[in-house]
N, C-alpha and C. Protein backbone atom coordinates (compact mmCIF):
# COMPACT_ATOMS: atom_id res chain seq x y z
N MET A 1 -39.53 -31.88 129.19
CA MET A 1 -40.46 -32.50 127.46
C MET A 1 -39.65 -32.16 126.01
N HIS A 2 -40.05 -32.83 125.52
CA HIS A 2 -39.32 -32.12 123.84
C HIS A 2 -40.42 -31.08 123.34
N TYR A 3 -40.27 -30.34 122.71
CA TYR A 3 -41.53 -29.75 121.85
C TYR A 3 -40.53 -28.61 121.04
N GLU A 4 -41.07 -29.12 119.57
CA GLU A 4 -39.95 -28.47 118.27
C GLU A 4 -41.14 -27.45 117.76
N GLY A 5 -40.48 -26.16 117.50
CA GLY A 5 -41.49 -25.01 117.10
C GLY A 5 -42.70 -24.76 117.90
N THR A 6 -43.63 -24.23 117.06
CA THR A 6 -44.73 -23.48 118.09
C THR A 6 -45.79 -24.85 117.63
N ILE A 7 -46.34 -24.73 119.10
CA ILE A 7 -47.35 -26.21 119.30
C ILE A 7 -48.74 -25.22 119.54
N TYR A 8 -49.63 -26.50 118.65
CA TYR A 8 -50.89 -25.89 118.15
C TYR A 8 -51.86 -27.20 118.72
N ARG A 9 -53.53 -26.61 119.31
CA ARG A 9 -53.89 -27.23 119.99
C ARG A 9 -55.45 -26.77 119.76
N PRO A 10 -56.39 -27.44 119.50
CA PRO A 10 -58.11 -27.04 119.66
C PRO A 10 -58.24 -26.46 120.86
N PRO A 11 -59.58 -25.65 120.61
CA PRO A 11 -59.58 -24.57 121.73
C PRO A 11 -59.84 -25.68 123.14
N SER A 12 -60.74 -26.72 122.66
CA SER A 12 -61.23 -27.41 123.77
C SER A 12 -60.29 -28.21 124.45
N GLU A 13 -58.72 -28.37 123.73
CA GLU A 13 -57.69 -28.86 124.93
C GLU A 13 -56.74 -28.13 125.43
N ALA A 14 -57.47 -26.91 126.05
CA ALA A 14 -56.53 -26.04 126.93
C ALA A 14 -56.01 -26.55 127.75
N TYR A 15 -56.64 -27.47 128.23
CA TYR A 15 -56.03 -27.94 129.72
C TYR A 15 -55.47 -29.50 129.76
N SER A 16 -55.25 -29.61 128.56
CA SER A 16 -54.71 -31.06 128.12
C SER A 16 -53.07 -31.17 127.91
N LEU A 17 -52.47 -32.25 128.74
CA LEU A 17 -51.17 -32.35 128.86
C LEU A 17 -50.79 -32.26 126.70
N ILE A 18 -50.15 -32.00 126.37
CA ILE A 18 -49.63 -32.55 125.20
C ILE A 18 -48.48 -32.86 124.84
N VAL A 19 -48.43 -33.81 124.35
CA VAL A 19 -47.28 -34.90 123.59
C VAL A 19 -47.28 -34.57 122.78
N GLN A 20 -45.74 -34.18 122.03
CA GLN A 20 -45.38 -34.09 120.70
C GLN A 20 -45.17 -35.52 119.91
N ILE A 21 -46.20 -35.75 119.23
CA ILE A 21 -45.52 -36.83 118.50
C ILE A 21 -44.54 -37.13 116.92
N THR A 22 -45.77 -36.15 116.56
CA THR A 22 -45.20 -35.87 115.33
C THR A 22 -44.66 -34.63 115.25
N VAL A 23 -44.01 -34.27 114.05
CA VAL A 23 -43.81 -32.40 113.99
C VAL A 23 -44.49 -31.97 112.71
N GLY A 24 -45.05 -31.15 112.69
CA GLY A 24 -45.68 -30.35 111.33
C GLY A 24 -47.22 -31.03 111.26
N CYS A 25 -47.26 -30.77 109.85
CA CYS A 25 -48.32 -31.45 109.53
C CYS A 25 -48.04 -32.13 107.95
N SER A 26 -48.71 -33.08 107.83
CA SER A 26 -48.38 -34.17 106.78
C SER A 26 -48.40 -33.45 105.64
N HIS A 27 -49.66 -32.77 105.38
CA HIS A 27 -50.04 -31.83 104.26
C HIS A 27 -49.41 -30.92 103.75
N ASN A 28 -49.65 -30.12 105.01
CA ASN A 28 -48.68 -28.39 105.08
C ASN A 28 -48.47 -27.56 103.82
N GLY A 29 -50.32 -27.77 103.10
CA GLY A 29 -49.98 -27.25 101.44
C GLY A 29 -51.40 -26.26 101.54
N CYS A 30 -52.56 -25.97 102.60
CA CYS A 30 -53.48 -25.19 102.48
C CYS A 30 -52.80 -23.89 102.57
N LYS A 31 -53.59 -23.12 101.57
CA LYS A 31 -53.48 -21.88 101.10
C LYS A 31 -53.82 -20.72 102.22
N PHE A 32 -54.58 -21.34 102.86
CA PHE A 32 -55.11 -20.14 104.08
C PHE A 32 -54.38 -20.48 105.51
N CYS A 33 -53.47 -21.81 105.67
CA CYS A 33 -53.34 -21.71 106.67
C CYS A 33 -51.48 -21.61 107.26
N ASN A 34 -51.32 -20.81 108.40
CA ASN A 34 -49.98 -20.39 108.72
C ASN A 34 -49.37 -21.16 109.76
N MET A 35 -50.18 -22.26 110.38
CA MET A 35 -49.45 -22.95 110.93
C MET A 35 -48.70 -23.90 110.30
N TYR A 36 -47.34 -24.39 111.29
CA TYR A 36 -46.52 -25.42 111.10
C TYR A 36 -45.09 -24.97 109.89
N LYS A 37 -45.50 -23.95 110.00
CA LYS A 37 -44.66 -23.11 108.35
C LYS A 37 -43.16 -23.13 109.29
N ASP A 38 -42.26 -23.41 110.15
CA ASP A 38 -41.91 -23.29 111.16
C ASP A 38 -40.77 -24.78 111.12
N LYS A 39 -41.64 -25.77 110.60
CA LYS A 39 -41.25 -26.95 110.84
C LYS A 39 -41.24 -27.71 109.70
N ARG A 40 -40.67 -28.65 109.40
CA ARG A 40 -40.56 -30.01 108.52
C ARG A 40 -41.37 -31.23 109.17
N PHE A 41 -42.08 -31.69 108.38
CA PHE A 41 -43.00 -32.76 108.93
C PHE A 41 -42.26 -33.92 109.09
N HIS A 42 -41.99 -34.90 110.39
CA HIS A 42 -41.59 -36.00 110.92
C HIS A 42 -42.25 -36.72 112.12
N MET A 43 -41.93 -37.98 112.02
CA MET A 43 -42.36 -38.31 113.52
C MET A 43 -40.99 -38.43 114.34
N ASN A 44 -41.32 -38.04 115.21
CA ASN A 44 -40.57 -38.55 116.87
C ASN A 44 -40.36 -40.01 116.93
N LYS A 45 -39.21 -40.10 117.52
CA LYS A 45 -38.42 -41.44 117.76
C LYS A 45 -39.55 -41.65 119.16
N LEU A 46 -39.82 -43.13 118.95
CA LEU A 46 -40.38 -43.71 120.08
C LEU A 46 -40.14 -43.73 121.68
N ASP A 47 -38.94 -43.91 121.40
CA ASP A 47 -37.99 -43.56 122.88
C ASP A 47 -37.85 -42.03 123.73
N GLN A 48 -38.08 -41.25 122.48
CA GLN A 48 -38.05 -39.70 122.81
C GLN A 48 -39.64 -39.88 123.42
N ILE A 49 -40.77 -40.08 122.83
CA ILE A 49 -41.74 -39.78 123.59
C ILE A 49 -42.07 -40.64 124.56
N MET A 50 -41.74 -41.96 124.94
CA MET A 50 -41.39 -42.78 126.49
C MET A 50 -41.17 -41.79 127.13
N GLY A 51 -39.75 -41.60 126.74
CA GLY A 51 -38.94 -40.39 127.94
C GLY A 51 -39.76 -39.63 128.38
N ASP A 52 -40.57 -38.43 127.28
CA ASP A 52 -41.55 -37.13 127.72
C ASP A 52 -42.47 -37.95 128.81
N LEU A 53 -42.96 -38.79 128.20
CA LEU A 53 -44.28 -39.60 129.12
C LEU A 53 -43.91 -39.57 130.47
N ASP A 54 -42.71 -40.26 130.59
CA ASP A 54 -41.62 -40.49 132.01
C ASP A 54 -41.85 -39.21 132.82
N GLU A 55 -41.66 -38.40 131.85
CA GLU A 55 -40.89 -36.99 132.85
C GLU A 55 -42.20 -36.00 132.84
N ALA A 56 -43.38 -36.28 131.89
CA ALA A 56 -44.31 -35.76 132.24
C ALA A 56 -45.09 -36.67 134.21
N ARG A 57 -45.11 -37.45 133.94
CA ARG A 57 -45.23 -38.47 135.07
C ARG A 57 -44.54 -37.89 136.55
N MET A 58 -43.45 -37.21 136.51
CA MET A 58 -42.45 -37.04 137.52
C MET A 58 -43.04 -35.41 137.76
N MET A 59 -43.49 -34.66 136.75
CA MET A 59 -43.85 -33.09 136.56
C MET A 59 -45.30 -33.36 137.25
N TYR A 60 -46.20 -33.69 136.91
CA TYR A 60 -47.47 -33.55 136.96
C TYR A 60 -48.58 -34.83 137.40
N THR A 61 -48.81 -34.60 139.42
CA THR A 61 -49.52 -35.38 139.81
C THR A 61 -50.74 -35.84 139.26
N TYR A 62 -51.42 -34.49 138.62
CA TYR A 62 -52.62 -35.53 138.43
C TYR A 62 -52.93 -34.93 136.71
N VAL A 63 -53.30 -36.08 135.37
CA VAL A 63 -53.43 -35.57 134.39
C VAL A 63 -54.75 -36.50 133.76
N ASP A 64 -55.75 -35.49 133.39
CA ASP A 64 -56.92 -36.24 133.07
C ASP A 64 -57.25 -36.11 131.85
N ARG A 65 -56.68 -35.22 130.60
CA ARG A 65 -56.61 -35.30 129.40
C ARG A 65 -54.84 -35.18 128.97
N MET A 66 -55.35 -35.42 127.64
CA MET A 66 -54.06 -35.53 126.91
C MET A 66 -54.31 -35.72 125.16
N PHE A 67 -53.67 -34.87 124.74
CA PHE A 67 -53.80 -33.88 123.45
C PHE A 67 -52.19 -34.48 122.83
N LEU A 68 -52.50 -35.62 121.70
CA LEU A 68 -51.05 -36.28 120.76
C LEU A 68 -51.11 -34.92 119.67
N ALA A 69 -50.20 -34.20 119.95
CA ALA A 69 -49.92 -33.35 118.77
C ALA A 69 -48.76 -33.78 117.55
N ASP A 70 -48.45 -33.72 116.60
CA ASP A 70 -48.65 -32.27 115.88
C ASP A 70 -50.19 -32.29 114.86
N GLY A 71 -49.86 -31.10 113.65
CA GLY A 71 -51.24 -31.52 113.16
C GLY A 71 -51.55 -32.84 112.27
N ASP A 72 -51.04 -34.03 112.96
CA ASP A 72 -51.42 -35.51 112.19
C ASP A 72 -51.28 -36.51 112.83
N ALA A 73 -51.41 -36.19 114.42
CA ALA A 73 -50.62 -37.90 114.87
C ALA A 73 -51.03 -38.93 114.76
N LEU A 74 -52.48 -39.27 113.98
CA LEU A 74 -53.34 -40.50 113.67
C LEU A 74 -52.26 -41.08 112.62
N VAL A 75 -51.16 -40.36 111.67
CA VAL A 75 -50.62 -40.89 110.69
C VAL A 75 -49.44 -41.76 111.47
N TYR A 76 -48.94 -41.21 112.55
CA TYR A 76 -48.20 -42.43 113.18
C TYR A 76 -47.91 -43.94 112.80
N ARG A 77 -46.98 -44.61 113.23
CA ARG A 77 -46.90 -46.02 112.57
C ARG A 77 -47.97 -46.72 113.44
N THR A 78 -49.26 -47.61 113.47
CA THR A 78 -49.87 -48.15 113.81
C THR A 78 -49.27 -48.75 115.46
N LYS A 79 -48.86 -49.55 114.96
CA LYS A 79 -48.38 -50.48 116.33
C LYS A 79 -47.80 -49.52 116.92
N ASP A 80 -46.63 -48.66 117.14
CA ASP A 80 -46.00 -47.54 117.76
C ASP A 80 -47.24 -46.68 118.76
N LEU A 81 -48.43 -46.70 117.55
CA LEU A 81 -49.17 -46.06 118.21
C LEU A 81 -49.72 -46.50 119.36
N ILE A 82 -50.29 -47.74 119.04
CA ILE A 82 -50.68 -48.59 120.04
C ILE A 82 -49.63 -48.24 121.32
N THR A 83 -48.32 -48.68 120.91
CA THR A 83 -47.59 -48.62 121.87
C THR A 83 -47.80 -47.64 122.86
N ILE A 84 -47.34 -46.05 122.48
CA ILE A 84 -47.81 -44.95 123.31
C ILE A 84 -49.05 -44.67 124.21
N LEU A 85 -50.20 -45.43 123.55
CA LEU A 85 -51.52 -44.77 124.12
C LEU A 85 -51.69 -46.24 125.37
N ASP A 86 -50.94 -47.65 125.12
CA ASP A 86 -50.78 -48.17 126.12
C ASP A 86 -50.08 -47.72 127.28
N ALA A 87 -48.89 -47.08 127.00
CA ALA A 87 -48.11 -46.37 128.05
C ALA A 87 -48.89 -45.45 128.39
N ILE A 88 -49.25 -44.47 128.01
CA ILE A 88 -50.31 -43.75 128.44
C ILE A 88 -51.29 -44.37 129.43
N LYS A 89 -51.74 -45.34 129.01
CA LYS A 89 -53.10 -46.13 130.02
C LYS A 89 -51.88 -46.65 131.29
N GLU A 90 -50.84 -46.93 131.17
CA GLU A 90 -50.03 -47.75 132.61
C GLU A 90 -49.74 -46.56 133.41
N LYS A 91 -49.07 -45.58 132.45
CA LYS A 91 -48.56 -44.67 133.24
C LYS A 91 -49.40 -43.41 134.02
N PHE A 92 -50.68 -42.81 133.20
CA PHE A 92 -51.30 -42.10 133.76
C PHE A 92 -52.94 -43.08 133.97
N PRO A 93 -53.21 -43.78 134.50
CA PRO A 93 -54.39 -44.06 134.89
C PRO A 93 -55.64 -43.09 135.14
N GLU A 94 -55.13 -42.16 135.77
CA GLU A 94 -56.48 -41.50 135.67
C GLU A 94 -56.79 -40.44 134.20
N CYS A 95 -55.99 -40.93 133.55
CA CYS A 95 -56.44 -40.03 132.62
C CYS A 95 -57.79 -40.57 131.59
N GLN A 96 -58.77 -39.65 131.62
CA GLN A 96 -60.11 -39.79 131.00
C GLN A 96 -60.41 -39.77 129.76
N ARG A 97 -59.36 -38.79 128.42
CA ARG A 97 -59.50 -39.16 127.40
C ARG A 97 -58.14 -38.52 126.63
N ILE A 98 -57.90 -39.23 125.28
CA ILE A 98 -56.60 -39.02 124.54
C ILE A 98 -57.22 -38.30 123.39
N THR A 99 -57.07 -37.61 122.65
CA THR A 99 -57.19 -37.41 121.30
C THR A 99 -56.21 -36.55 120.71
N SER A 100 -56.46 -36.42 119.16
CA SER A 100 -55.12 -35.56 117.96
C SER A 100 -55.83 -34.99 117.14
N TYR A 101 -55.30 -34.51 116.22
CA TYR A 101 -55.51 -34.18 115.01
C TYR A 101 -55.50 -35.40 114.13
N ALA A 102 -56.08 -35.36 113.15
CA ALA A 102 -55.99 -36.24 111.79
C ALA A 102 -56.53 -35.47 110.82
N THR A 103 -56.04 -36.20 109.52
CA THR A 103 -56.26 -35.45 108.15
C THR A 103 -56.81 -36.94 107.49
N PRO A 104 -57.53 -36.46 106.12
CA PRO A 104 -58.22 -37.66 105.28
C PRO A 104 -57.27 -38.53 105.02
N MET A 105 -55.96 -38.16 104.81
CA MET A 105 -55.14 -38.84 104.58
C MET A 105 -54.73 -39.40 105.16
N SER A 106 -54.66 -39.24 106.38
CA SER A 106 -54.24 -40.59 107.74
C SER A 106 -55.30 -41.54 108.28
N LEU A 107 -56.74 -41.08 107.55
CA LEU A 107 -57.75 -41.84 108.26
C LEU A 107 -57.99 -42.59 107.42
N LEU A 108 -57.24 -42.36 105.53
CA LEU A 108 -57.85 -43.34 104.59
C LEU A 108 -56.84 -44.36 104.33
N SER A 109 -55.19 -44.12 104.99
CA SER A 109 -54.40 -44.73 104.83
C SER A 109 -54.24 -46.05 105.55
N LYS A 110 -55.53 -45.95 106.74
CA LYS A 110 -55.56 -47.01 107.79
C LYS A 110 -56.27 -47.85 107.13
N SER A 111 -56.20 -48.92 107.64
CA SER A 111 -57.42 -50.20 107.47
C SER A 111 -58.19 -49.60 108.53
N GLU A 112 -59.32 -50.50 108.43
CA GLU A 112 -60.22 -50.32 109.31
C GLU A 112 -60.27 -50.98 111.10
N GLU A 113 -59.67 -52.19 110.59
CA GLU A 113 -59.24 -53.30 111.69
C GLU A 113 -58.12 -52.44 112.26
N GLU A 114 -57.13 -51.14 111.83
CA GLU A 114 -56.16 -50.50 112.33
C GLU A 114 -56.90 -49.63 113.36
N LEU A 115 -57.88 -49.17 112.46
CA LEU A 115 -58.54 -47.87 113.42
C LEU A 115 -59.10 -48.06 114.77
N LYS A 116 -60.09 -49.26 114.43
CA LYS A 116 -60.45 -50.12 115.64
C LYS A 116 -59.81 -50.46 116.68
N THR A 117 -58.29 -51.12 116.26
CA THR A 117 -57.36 -51.28 117.18
C THR A 117 -57.04 -50.12 117.97
N VAL A 118 -56.55 -49.03 117.21
CA VAL A 118 -56.46 -47.48 117.93
C VAL A 118 -57.33 -47.18 118.96
N ARG A 119 -58.46 -46.78 118.42
CA ARG A 119 -59.78 -46.54 119.40
C ARG A 119 -59.27 -47.71 120.55
N GLU A 120 -59.44 -48.84 120.05
CA GLU A 120 -59.80 -49.81 121.33
C GLU A 120 -58.42 -49.42 122.74
N HIS A 121 -57.35 -48.75 122.07
CA HIS A 121 -56.50 -48.80 122.90
C HIS A 121 -56.33 -47.40 123.73
N GLY A 122 -57.49 -46.87 123.41
CA GLY A 122 -57.32 -45.41 124.18
C GLY A 122 -57.63 -44.65 123.31
N LEU A 123 -57.47 -44.30 121.89
CA LEU A 123 -57.65 -42.84 121.40
C LEU A 123 -58.88 -42.62 121.11
N GLU A 124 -59.47 -41.67 121.85
CA GLU A 124 -60.93 -41.03 121.87
C GLU A 124 -61.90 -40.33 120.63
N MET A 125 -60.63 -39.01 120.45
CA MET A 125 -61.30 -38.28 119.59
C MET A 125 -60.84 -37.69 118.47
N LEU A 126 -61.04 -37.66 117.72
CA LEU A 126 -60.52 -36.78 116.49
C LEU A 126 -60.61 -35.66 115.93
N TYR A 127 -59.72 -34.84 115.82
CA TYR A 127 -60.30 -33.78 114.99
C TYR A 127 -59.66 -33.48 113.42
N MET A 128 -60.70 -33.29 112.68
CA MET A 128 -60.37 -32.95 111.33
C MET A 128 -60.83 -32.16 110.64
N GLY A 129 -60.19 -31.24 110.05
CA GLY A 129 -60.37 -30.11 109.44
C GLY A 129 -61.17 -30.04 108.04
N LEU A 130 -62.53 -29.70 107.80
CA LEU A 130 -63.52 -30.22 106.61
C LEU A 130 -63.28 -28.60 105.75
N GLU A 131 -63.16 -27.62 106.50
CA GLU A 131 -63.22 -26.17 105.72
C GLU A 131 -64.12 -25.91 105.09
N SER A 132 -64.63 -26.87 103.99
CA SER A 132 -65.51 -27.00 102.98
C SER A 132 -66.09 -27.90 102.26
N GLY A 133 -67.12 -27.87 102.12
CA GLY A 133 -68.02 -29.25 101.56
C GLY A 133 -67.97 -28.89 99.77
N CYS A 134 -67.94 -27.57 99.31
CA CYS A 134 -67.40 -26.99 98.09
C CYS A 134 -66.00 -27.24 97.32
N ASP A 135 -66.12 -28.75 96.46
CA ASP A 135 -65.01 -29.07 95.82
C ASP A 135 -64.41 -27.90 95.13
N GLU A 136 -64.86 -26.80 94.82
CA GLU A 136 -64.27 -25.82 93.80
C GLU A 136 -62.92 -24.91 95.13
N VAL A 137 -64.25 -24.87 96.22
CA VAL A 137 -63.65 -23.75 97.09
C VAL A 137 -62.15 -25.13 98.19
N LEU A 138 -62.09 -26.24 97.81
CA LEU A 138 -60.95 -27.36 98.62
C LEU A 138 -59.97 -26.81 97.53
N GLN A 139 -60.45 -26.97 96.21
CA GLN A 139 -59.33 -27.07 94.52
C GLN A 139 -58.42 -25.91 94.96
N ARG A 140 -59.12 -24.72 94.97
CA ARG A 140 -58.71 -23.33 94.90
C ARG A 140 -57.79 -23.01 96.48
N VAL A 141 -58.19 -23.63 97.83
CA VAL A 141 -56.98 -23.69 98.83
C VAL A 141 -56.36 -24.21 98.93
N ASN A 142 -56.40 -25.25 98.06
CA ASN A 142 -55.02 -26.54 98.24
C ASN A 142 -55.34 -27.39 99.13
N LYS A 143 -56.55 -27.72 99.73
CA LYS A 143 -56.99 -28.81 100.60
C LYS A 143 -56.13 -30.00 100.79
N GLY A 144 -56.17 -30.60 99.18
CA GLY A 144 -55.68 -31.84 98.82
C GLY A 144 -56.43 -33.31 98.77
N HIS A 145 -57.65 -33.02 98.83
CA HIS A 145 -58.58 -33.56 98.85
C HIS A 145 -59.89 -33.10 98.41
N THR A 146 -61.30 -33.94 98.08
CA THR A 146 -62.29 -33.87 97.21
C THR A 146 -63.40 -33.79 98.62
N SER A 147 -64.25 -32.86 98.44
CA SER A 147 -65.77 -33.35 99.96
C SER A 147 -66.05 -34.44 99.92
N GLU A 148 -65.82 -35.97 98.67
CA GLU A 148 -65.97 -36.95 98.77
C GLU A 148 -65.77 -38.01 99.60
N ARG A 149 -63.90 -37.43 99.32
CA ARG A 149 -63.09 -38.45 100.18
C ARG A 149 -62.83 -37.88 101.47
N ILE A 150 -63.31 -36.64 101.96
CA ILE A 150 -63.25 -35.41 103.27
C ILE A 150 -64.25 -36.93 104.17
N ILE A 151 -65.79 -36.97 103.34
CA ILE A 151 -66.88 -37.44 104.02
C ILE A 151 -66.64 -39.07 104.37
N GLU A 152 -66.05 -39.45 103.17
CA GLU A 152 -65.16 -40.95 103.42
C GLU A 152 -64.79 -41.08 104.73
N ALA A 153 -63.75 -40.38 104.89
CA ALA A 153 -62.52 -40.11 106.20
C ALA A 153 -63.50 -40.16 107.09
N GLY A 154 -64.27 -39.36 107.20
CA GLY A 154 -65.17 -39.05 108.40
C GLY A 154 -66.28 -40.17 108.76
N LYS A 155 -66.62 -41.05 107.65
CA LYS A 155 -67.16 -41.87 107.81
C LYS A 155 -66.63 -43.11 108.57
N LYS A 156 -65.28 -43.42 107.88
CA LYS A 156 -64.60 -44.51 108.57
C LYS A 156 -64.29 -44.23 110.13
N ALA A 157 -63.81 -42.78 110.19
CA ALA A 157 -63.49 -42.84 111.97
C ALA A 157 -64.52 -43.21 112.59
N LYS A 158 -66.06 -42.21 112.16
CA LYS A 158 -66.97 -42.85 113.43
C LYS A 158 -67.35 -44.20 113.28
N ALA A 159 -67.21 -45.36 112.10
CA ALA A 159 -67.50 -46.54 112.07
C ALA A 159 -66.65 -47.49 113.06
N ALA A 160 -65.22 -46.49 113.08
CA ALA A 160 -64.50 -47.30 114.07
C ALA A 160 -64.56 -47.08 115.66
N GLY A 161 -65.64 -46.46 115.84
CA GLY A 161 -65.88 -45.47 117.42
C GLY A 161 -65.18 -44.51 117.66
N PHE A 162 -64.80 -43.97 116.76
CA PHE A 162 -63.96 -42.29 117.44
C PHE A 162 -65.10 -41.60 117.06
N LYS A 163 -64.87 -40.51 118.42
CA LYS A 163 -65.70 -39.44 118.68
C LYS A 163 -65.19 -38.25 116.97
N LEU A 164 -65.62 -37.96 116.47
CA LEU A 164 -65.27 -36.94 115.47
C LEU A 164 -65.49 -35.52 115.82
N SER A 165 -64.55 -34.79 115.48
CA SER A 165 -65.07 -33.12 115.46
C SER A 165 -64.26 -32.18 114.28
N VAL A 166 -65.04 -31.96 113.25
CA VAL A 166 -64.89 -31.30 112.27
C VAL A 166 -64.66 -29.57 111.98
N THR A 167 -63.83 -28.81 111.42
CA THR A 167 -63.93 -27.59 111.57
C THR A 167 -64.07 -27.58 110.39
N ILE A 168 -65.02 -26.28 110.16
CA ILE A 168 -65.58 -25.41 108.75
C ILE A 168 -64.81 -23.92 108.98
N LEU A 169 -64.54 -23.58 107.51
CA LEU A 169 -64.02 -22.25 107.81
C LEU A 169 -65.16 -20.85 106.70
N SER A 170 -65.91 -19.90 107.75
CA SER A 170 -66.47 -19.38 106.95
C SER A 170 -65.97 -18.34 106.57
N GLY A 171 -66.49 -18.03 105.18
CA GLY A 171 -65.46 -17.23 104.38
C GLY A 171 -65.07 -17.60 103.40
N LEU A 172 -64.43 -18.96 103.33
CA LEU A 172 -63.29 -19.59 102.91
C LEU A 172 -64.24 -19.44 101.18
N GLY A 173 -65.30 -19.44 100.77
CA GLY A 173 -65.58 -19.34 99.45
C GLY A 173 -65.57 -17.94 98.89
N GLY A 174 -65.50 -16.74 99.60
CA GLY A 174 -65.28 -15.63 99.07
C GLY A 174 -66.04 -14.85 98.84
N GLU A 175 -66.40 -14.00 97.71
CA GLU A 175 -67.91 -13.87 96.89
C GLU A 175 -67.96 -14.08 96.11
N GLU A 176 -67.31 -14.74 95.33
CA GLU A 176 -67.95 -15.64 94.48
C GLU A 176 -68.29 -16.78 94.57
N LEU A 177 -67.86 -17.52 95.70
CA LEU A 177 -68.38 -18.94 95.82
C LEU A 177 -68.94 -18.83 97.37
N TRP A 178 -69.45 -17.47 97.63
CA TRP A 178 -70.27 -18.26 98.96
C TRP A 178 -71.39 -18.88 99.02
N LYS A 179 -72.54 -18.90 98.42
CA LYS A 179 -73.42 -19.69 98.75
C LYS A 179 -73.09 -21.14 98.20
N GLU A 180 -72.42 -21.74 97.27
CA GLU A 180 -72.04 -22.94 97.31
C GLU A 180 -71.01 -23.62 97.90
N HIS A 181 -70.30 -22.16 98.67
CA HIS A 181 -69.43 -23.17 99.94
C HIS A 181 -70.40 -23.36 101.01
N ALA A 182 -71.30 -22.56 101.48
CA ALA A 182 -72.38 -22.70 102.46
C ALA A 182 -73.33 -23.90 102.45
N VAL A 183 -74.16 -23.88 100.78
CA VAL A 183 -74.52 -25.08 100.66
C VAL A 183 -73.79 -26.50 100.55
N GLU A 184 -72.98 -26.72 100.39
CA GLU A 184 -72.36 -27.73 99.98
C GLU A 184 -71.76 -28.14 101.58
N THR A 185 -70.83 -27.25 102.19
CA THR A 185 -70.88 -27.83 103.39
C THR A 185 -71.86 -28.16 104.12
N GLY A 186 -73.07 -27.64 104.45
CA GLY A 186 -74.46 -28.05 105.07
C GLY A 186 -74.41 -29.59 105.03
N LYS A 187 -74.59 -29.81 103.22
CA LYS A 187 -74.67 -31.09 102.91
C LYS A 187 -73.80 -32.13 103.17
N THR A 188 -72.11 -31.85 102.90
CA THR A 188 -71.08 -32.30 103.48
C THR A 188 -71.60 -32.60 104.99
N ILE A 189 -71.74 -31.93 105.86
CA ILE A 189 -71.57 -32.60 107.22
C ILE A 189 -73.02 -32.95 107.42
N THR A 190 -74.18 -33.21 106.81
CA THR A 190 -75.19 -33.75 107.26
C THR A 190 -74.96 -35.68 106.83
N LEU A 191 -73.89 -35.59 105.80
CA LEU A 191 -73.49 -37.07 105.21
C LEU A 191 -72.47 -37.75 106.43
N MET A 192 -71.80 -36.56 106.68
CA MET A 192 -70.69 -37.53 107.68
C MET A 192 -71.04 -37.53 108.77
N LYS A 193 -72.15 -36.93 109.67
CA LYS A 193 -72.36 -36.93 110.78
C LYS A 193 -71.60 -36.46 111.54
N PRO A 194 -70.62 -35.80 111.95
CA PRO A 194 -69.39 -35.30 113.27
C PRO A 194 -70.43 -34.98 114.10
N ASP A 195 -69.53 -35.96 115.28
CA ASP A 195 -70.10 -35.39 116.75
C ASP A 195 -70.01 -33.75 117.00
N TYR A 196 -68.97 -33.25 116.86
CA TYR A 196 -68.90 -31.50 116.82
C TYR A 196 -68.75 -30.88 115.87
N VAL A 197 -69.26 -30.00 115.47
CA VAL A 197 -68.26 -28.64 114.44
C VAL A 197 -68.55 -27.90 114.92
N GLY A 198 -66.76 -27.32 114.62
CA GLY A 198 -66.66 -26.12 114.98
C GLY A 198 -66.52 -25.13 113.69
N GLU A 199 -66.92 -23.58 114.12
CA GLU A 199 -67.26 -22.72 112.88
C GLU A 199 -66.01 -22.22 113.08
N MET A 200 -65.40 -21.35 112.23
CA MET A 200 -63.85 -20.38 112.53
C MET A 200 -64.23 -19.67 111.49
N THR A 201 -63.82 -18.07 111.63
CA THR A 201 -63.91 -17.24 110.40
C THR A 201 -62.90 -17.17 109.79
N LEU A 202 -62.95 -17.24 108.48
CA LEU A 202 -61.65 -17.04 107.87
C LEU A 202 -60.65 -15.67 107.87
N ASN A 203 -59.63 -15.72 108.59
CA ASN A 203 -58.61 -15.17 108.62
C ASN A 203 -57.18 -14.94 107.49
N ILE A 204 -57.12 -13.75 106.81
CA ILE A 204 -56.26 -13.99 106.09
C ILE A 204 -54.70 -13.20 106.21
N ILE A 205 -54.12 -14.31 106.78
CA ILE A 205 -52.95 -13.75 107.33
C ILE A 205 -51.72 -13.75 106.80
N PRO A 206 -50.83 -12.56 106.65
CA PRO A 206 -49.58 -12.22 105.65
C PRO A 206 -48.91 -13.70 105.84
N GLY A 207 -48.60 -13.52 104.71
CA GLY A 207 -47.30 -14.72 104.72
C GLY A 207 -48.02 -16.02 103.98
N THR A 208 -49.36 -16.11 104.25
CA THR A 208 -49.92 -17.37 103.40
C THR A 208 -50.12 -17.17 102.09
N LYS A 209 -49.77 -18.36 101.61
CA LYS A 209 -50.47 -18.42 100.04
C LYS A 209 -51.41 -17.87 98.97
N LEU A 210 -52.94 -17.75 100.43
CA LEU A 210 -53.99 -16.99 99.95
C LEU A 210 -53.82 -15.33 100.07
N TYR A 211 -52.89 -14.68 101.59
CA TYR A 211 -52.87 -13.69 101.36
C TYR A 211 -52.38 -13.14 99.97
N GLU A 212 -50.89 -13.57 99.57
CA GLU A 212 -49.95 -13.54 98.62
C GLU A 212 -50.94 -13.24 97.14
N GLU A 213 -52.14 -14.12 97.10
CA GLU A 213 -52.75 -14.34 95.70
C GLU A 213 -53.65 -13.06 96.09
């Protein structure tokens, strides 16, 4: 199977087969993040992905979960994403769950009909980074979206039938904006109504823009 660069997946996908359909993150500009810095975002070719699925079928007798990598697999062309999902269903009839990361951009760029169709063809759950519900915090860390747009994206995912898991970063507001970060994040989660919320603690990593500041 083809894997390019360091591969990341959510903790809950520890036992999932990972299929890399996109490489890197379509935004890749968050100041706190050191993921995907070793690669430039692009979509893998459909025939390569089909080959990876064939190879995985020969390697594994049973695959009950599959995670589509990298950081924003949902941005893949809708008709080709449907082809991939249908191939998974055909080649891995025992697979009970298919998931992927999604960004607010990829959710907002697809129509409601496209998202519903993707959901109907087997993509069950999306992981999306909220990080903070405070717009000032989001701007400072170059998230690329306001809380309003992230809420809109989350609601759109839910309306299409996806299960939604969002992550928040404790400590991202720092000493100056800790209260705004906490309060506005709580309000945002209430409005978005995700199925799961994962809280992580900010770790300022050398090499990130946040560390350099």
